N, C-alpha and C. Protein backbone atom coordinates (compact mmCIF):
# COMPACT_ATOMS: atom_id res chain seq x y z
N MET A 1 -8.16 94.67 0.96
CA MET A 1 -8.68 93.37 1.29
C MET A 1 -7.69 92.32 0.78
N MET A 2 -7.17 91.51 1.68
CA MET A 2 -6.19 90.49 1.34
C MET A 2 -6.89 89.15 1.10
N LEU A 3 -6.30 88.35 0.27
CA LEU A 3 -6.81 87.00 0.03
C LEU A 3 -6.46 86.11 1.21
N LYS A 4 -7.39 85.27 1.61
CA LYS A 4 -7.16 84.31 2.68
C LYS A 4 -7.29 82.91 2.09
N PRO A 5 -6.15 82.26 1.79
CA PRO A 5 -6.22 80.93 1.19
C PRO A 5 -6.79 79.89 2.15
N LEU A 6 -7.46 78.92 1.58
CA LEU A 6 -8.05 77.84 2.36
C LEU A 6 -7.15 76.61 2.32
N HIS A 7 -7.30 75.75 3.31
CA HIS A 7 -6.61 74.46 3.38
C HIS A 7 -5.10 74.63 3.22
N ASN A 8 -4.47 73.88 2.32
CA ASN A 8 -3.02 73.95 2.15
C ASN A 8 -2.65 74.77 0.92
N ASN A 9 -3.44 75.80 0.63
CA ASN A 9 -3.14 76.68 -0.50
C ASN A 9 -2.25 77.83 -0.05
N VAL A 10 -1.47 78.35 -1.01
CA VAL A 10 -0.51 79.41 -0.76
C VAL A 10 -0.70 80.47 -1.84
N VAL A 11 -0.61 81.76 -1.45
CA VAL A 11 -0.65 82.86 -2.41
C VAL A 11 0.78 83.40 -2.52
N ILE A 12 1.27 83.49 -3.77
CA ILE A 12 2.64 83.92 -4.03
C ILE A 12 2.62 85.11 -4.96
N GLU A 13 3.48 86.10 -4.66
CA GLU A 13 3.71 87.20 -5.58
C GLU A 13 4.98 86.87 -6.36
N PRO A 14 4.84 86.58 -7.66
CA PRO A 14 6.01 86.19 -8.46
C PRO A 14 7.04 87.33 -8.52
N THR A 15 8.30 86.93 -8.60
CA THR A 15 9.39 87.89 -8.81
C THR A 15 9.99 87.65 -10.18
N GLU A 16 10.60 88.66 -10.74
CA GLU A 16 11.21 88.55 -12.07
C GLU A 16 12.40 87.60 -12.01
N ALA A 17 12.50 86.72 -12.98
CA ALA A 17 13.64 85.82 -13.10
C ALA A 17 14.84 86.61 -13.59
N GLU A 18 16.00 86.25 -13.10
CA GLU A 18 17.24 86.90 -13.52
C GLU A 18 17.49 86.59 -14.99
N LYS A 19 17.74 87.61 -15.77
CA LYS A 19 17.96 87.44 -17.20
C LYS A 19 19.44 87.64 -17.56
N LYS A 20 20.29 87.51 -16.55
CA LYS A 20 21.72 87.65 -16.78
C LYS A 20 22.44 86.54 -16.01
N THR A 21 23.43 85.93 -16.62
CA THR A 21 24.19 84.88 -15.94
C THR A 21 25.16 85.50 -14.96
N ALA A 22 25.76 84.66 -14.11
CA ALA A 22 26.73 85.13 -13.12
C ALA A 22 27.93 85.81 -13.78
N SER A 23 28.26 85.39 -15.01
CA SER A 23 29.40 85.98 -15.70
C SER A 23 29.03 87.24 -16.48
N GLY A 24 27.75 87.65 -16.42
CA GLY A 24 27.33 88.89 -17.04
C GLY A 24 26.70 88.77 -18.41
N ILE A 25 26.52 87.55 -18.90
CA ILE A 25 25.90 87.34 -20.21
C ILE A 25 24.39 87.56 -20.08
N ILE A 26 23.83 88.41 -20.92
CA ILE A 26 22.40 88.70 -20.89
C ILE A 26 21.67 87.66 -21.73
N LEU A 27 20.67 87.02 -21.12
CA LEU A 27 19.89 85.98 -21.79
C LEU A 27 18.67 86.60 -22.46
N SER A 28 18.29 86.05 -23.61
CA SER A 28 17.10 86.52 -24.29
C SER A 28 16.33 85.34 -24.86
N GLY A 29 15.07 85.59 -25.24
CA GLY A 29 14.26 84.55 -25.87
C GLY A 29 14.05 83.35 -24.96
N ASP A 30 14.14 82.15 -25.55
CA ASP A 30 13.90 80.92 -24.80
C ASP A 30 14.93 80.70 -23.70
N ALA A 31 16.14 81.19 -23.88
CA ALA A 31 17.19 81.01 -22.87
C ALA A 31 16.84 81.73 -21.58
N ALA A 32 16.07 82.81 -21.66
CA ALA A 32 15.70 83.57 -20.47
C ALA A 32 14.52 82.96 -19.74
N GLN A 33 13.81 82.04 -20.37
CA GLN A 33 12.65 81.42 -19.75
C GLN A 33 13.09 80.29 -18.83
N SER A 34 12.64 80.33 -17.62
CA SER A 34 13.01 79.33 -16.63
C SER A 34 12.00 78.18 -16.62
N LYS A 35 12.45 77.03 -16.19
CA LYS A 35 11.56 75.88 -16.06
C LYS A 35 10.77 75.93 -14.76
N HIS A 36 11.16 76.84 -13.88
CA HIS A 36 10.47 77.04 -12.61
C HIS A 36 10.31 78.53 -12.39
N ALA A 37 9.62 78.91 -11.35
CA ALA A 37 9.40 80.31 -11.06
C ALA A 37 9.74 80.59 -9.60
N GLU A 38 10.05 81.84 -9.31
CA GLU A 38 10.34 82.26 -7.95
C GLU A 38 9.33 83.31 -7.53
N GLY A 39 9.12 83.40 -6.22
CA GLY A 39 8.22 84.41 -5.71
C GLY A 39 8.29 84.49 -4.20
N VAL A 40 7.51 85.42 -3.66
CA VAL A 40 7.44 85.63 -2.22
C VAL A 40 6.05 85.25 -1.74
N VAL A 41 5.99 84.47 -0.69
CA VAL A 41 4.72 84.04 -0.11
C VAL A 41 4.05 85.24 0.56
N VAL A 42 2.81 85.53 0.17
CA VAL A 42 2.09 86.65 0.77
C VAL A 42 0.93 86.20 1.67
N ALA A 43 0.51 84.95 1.55
CA ALA A 43 -0.54 84.41 2.43
C ALA A 43 -0.50 82.89 2.38
N VAL A 44 -0.81 82.26 3.51
CA VAL A 44 -0.88 80.80 3.58
C VAL A 44 -2.17 80.37 4.26
N GLY A 45 -2.65 79.22 3.85
CA GLY A 45 -3.82 78.64 4.50
C GLY A 45 -3.42 78.01 5.82
N PRO A 46 -4.39 77.49 6.56
CA PRO A 46 -4.11 76.92 7.88
C PRO A 46 -3.40 75.57 7.83
N GLY A 47 -3.48 74.86 6.72
CA GLY A 47 -2.86 73.55 6.61
C GLY A 47 -3.82 72.54 6.02
N LYS A 48 -3.39 71.30 6.01
CA LYS A 48 -4.16 70.23 5.39
C LYS A 48 -4.69 69.29 6.48
N TRP A 49 -5.98 69.01 6.40
CA TRP A 49 -6.58 68.09 7.36
C TRP A 49 -6.26 66.65 6.96
N VAL A 50 -5.76 65.89 7.91
CA VAL A 50 -5.50 64.46 7.70
C VAL A 50 -6.24 63.68 8.77
N ASP A 51 -6.75 62.56 8.40
CA ASP A 51 -7.49 61.69 9.33
C ASP A 51 -8.65 62.41 10.00
N ASP A 52 -9.22 63.42 9.36
CA ASP A 52 -10.40 64.16 9.83
C ASP A 52 -10.23 64.89 11.16
N ASP A 53 -9.16 64.64 11.89
CA ASP A 53 -9.01 65.28 13.20
C ASP A 53 -7.69 66.03 13.37
N ASP A 54 -6.72 65.76 12.53
CA ASP A 54 -5.40 66.36 12.70
C ASP A 54 -5.11 67.36 11.58
N LEU A 55 -4.65 68.54 11.96
CA LEU A 55 -4.28 69.57 11.00
C LEU A 55 -2.77 69.54 10.80
N LEU A 56 -2.35 69.22 9.59
CA LEU A 56 -0.92 69.21 9.24
C LEU A 56 -0.53 70.65 8.93
N PRO A 57 0.31 71.28 9.76
CA PRO A 57 0.63 72.69 9.56
C PRO A 57 1.45 72.93 8.29
N MET A 58 1.42 74.17 7.82
CA MET A 58 2.16 74.55 6.62
C MET A 58 3.66 74.62 6.94
N SER A 59 4.48 74.30 5.95
CA SER A 59 5.93 74.38 6.14
C SER A 59 6.51 75.66 5.56
N VAL A 60 5.68 76.52 4.96
CA VAL A 60 6.12 77.83 4.49
C VAL A 60 5.34 78.90 5.24
N ALA A 61 5.92 80.10 5.29
CA ALA A 61 5.29 81.20 6.00
C ALA A 61 5.31 82.46 5.14
N VAL A 62 4.49 83.41 5.51
CA VAL A 62 4.47 84.70 4.82
C VAL A 62 5.87 85.31 4.86
N GLY A 63 6.33 85.78 3.71
CA GLY A 63 7.66 86.38 3.60
C GLY A 63 8.72 85.45 3.06
N ASP A 64 8.45 84.13 3.07
CA ASP A 64 9.42 83.18 2.52
C ASP A 64 9.58 83.40 1.02
N ARG A 65 10.82 83.33 0.54
CA ARG A 65 11.07 83.36 -0.90
C ARG A 65 11.16 81.91 -1.36
N VAL A 66 10.36 81.55 -2.37
CA VAL A 66 10.23 80.16 -2.76
C VAL A 66 10.42 79.96 -4.26
N VAL A 67 10.73 78.72 -4.62
CA VAL A 67 10.76 78.27 -6.00
C VAL A 67 9.58 77.33 -6.15
N TYR A 68 8.78 77.55 -7.19
CA TYR A 68 7.61 76.71 -7.39
C TYR A 68 7.52 76.28 -8.84
N GLY A 69 6.79 75.22 -9.08
CA GLY A 69 6.62 74.71 -10.43
C GLY A 69 5.27 74.04 -10.57
N GLY A 70 5.12 73.35 -11.66
CA GLY A 70 3.88 72.63 -11.89
C GLY A 70 2.89 73.42 -12.70
N TYR A 71 1.87 72.73 -13.15
CA TYR A 71 0.85 73.34 -13.99
C TYR A 71 -0.45 73.57 -13.26
N SER A 72 -0.54 73.17 -12.00
CA SER A 72 -1.80 73.30 -11.28
C SER A 72 -1.82 74.57 -10.43
N GLN A 73 -1.42 75.67 -11.03
CA GLN A 73 -1.47 76.95 -10.33
C GLN A 73 -2.51 77.84 -10.98
N THR A 74 -3.02 78.79 -10.22
CA THR A 74 -4.00 79.73 -10.71
C THR A 74 -3.40 81.13 -10.66
N MET A 75 -3.38 81.80 -11.81
CA MET A 75 -2.86 83.17 -11.88
C MET A 75 -4.06 84.11 -11.74
N ILE A 76 -3.93 85.09 -10.84
CA ILE A 76 -5.00 86.08 -10.68
C ILE A 76 -4.39 87.47 -10.53
N GLU A 77 -5.23 88.48 -10.72
CA GLU A 77 -4.83 89.85 -10.42
C GLU A 77 -5.70 90.29 -9.27
N HIS A 78 -5.07 90.79 -8.21
CA HIS A 78 -5.79 91.22 -7.02
C HIS A 78 -5.20 92.53 -6.54
N GLU A 79 -6.02 93.54 -6.47
CA GLU A 79 -5.59 94.88 -6.03
C GLU A 79 -4.38 95.37 -6.83
N GLY A 80 -4.40 95.12 -8.14
CA GLY A 80 -3.35 95.61 -9.02
C GLY A 80 -2.08 94.78 -9.04
N LYS A 81 -2.04 93.66 -8.33
CA LYS A 81 -0.86 92.80 -8.30
C LYS A 81 -1.17 91.47 -8.97
N ASP A 82 -0.20 90.96 -9.73
CA ASP A 82 -0.31 89.62 -10.29
C ASP A 82 0.10 88.63 -9.21
N LEU A 83 -0.76 87.66 -8.92
CA LEU A 83 -0.51 86.67 -7.88
C LEU A 83 -0.72 85.27 -8.41
N VAL A 84 -0.13 84.31 -7.73
CA VAL A 84 -0.27 82.90 -8.06
C VAL A 84 -0.84 82.20 -6.83
N ILE A 85 -1.85 81.36 -7.04
CA ILE A 85 -2.38 80.52 -5.97
C ILE A 85 -2.09 79.07 -6.34
N LEU A 86 -1.48 78.35 -5.41
CA LEU A 86 -1.19 76.93 -5.64
C LEU A 86 -1.15 76.20 -4.32
N THR A 87 -1.13 74.88 -4.38
CA THR A 87 -1.03 74.11 -3.15
C THR A 87 0.43 74.06 -2.70
N GLU A 88 0.62 73.84 -1.42
CA GLU A 88 1.96 73.77 -0.87
C GLU A 88 2.79 72.66 -1.55
N ASP A 89 2.12 71.63 -2.05
CA ASP A 89 2.81 70.53 -2.71
C ASP A 89 3.58 70.98 -3.96
N ASN A 90 3.16 72.11 -4.55
CA ASN A 90 3.82 72.61 -5.77
C ASN A 90 4.99 73.53 -5.48
N ILE A 91 5.28 73.77 -4.20
CA ILE A 91 6.46 74.55 -3.84
C ILE A 91 7.64 73.59 -3.77
N LEU A 92 8.67 73.90 -4.53
CA LEU A 92 9.82 73.00 -4.64
C LEU A 92 10.88 73.27 -3.59
N ALA A 93 11.07 74.55 -3.20
CA ALA A 93 12.12 74.88 -2.25
C ALA A 93 11.89 76.26 -1.67
N VAL A 94 12.47 76.48 -0.49
CA VAL A 94 12.52 77.80 0.12
C VAL A 94 13.93 78.31 -0.08
N ILE A 95 14.06 79.56 -0.55
CA ILE A 95 15.38 80.17 -0.78
C ILE A 95 15.79 80.88 0.50
N GLU A 96 16.93 80.48 1.05
CA GLU A 96 17.41 81.10 2.30
C GLU A 96 18.61 81.96 2.04
């Protein structure tokens, strides 16, 4: 059973942050903690209603790899996976 987000909510499966720099230095402790998080979009809502009649479509899709931040996210465990639910507004970028 998959989660079906409502409105402009997005379900993301977080990915592990890289703990090694491009030059091969292994980071530990606070240096390894990122100010943002990365993950893969696993479900999206239909969009956000504006002016009661118009549906603003989502700009991310299932499978997109994204960078997200903010404190208004909800962490859940669903079917053995750790997932994050947040609004599309908290997605900072799509990684291409």
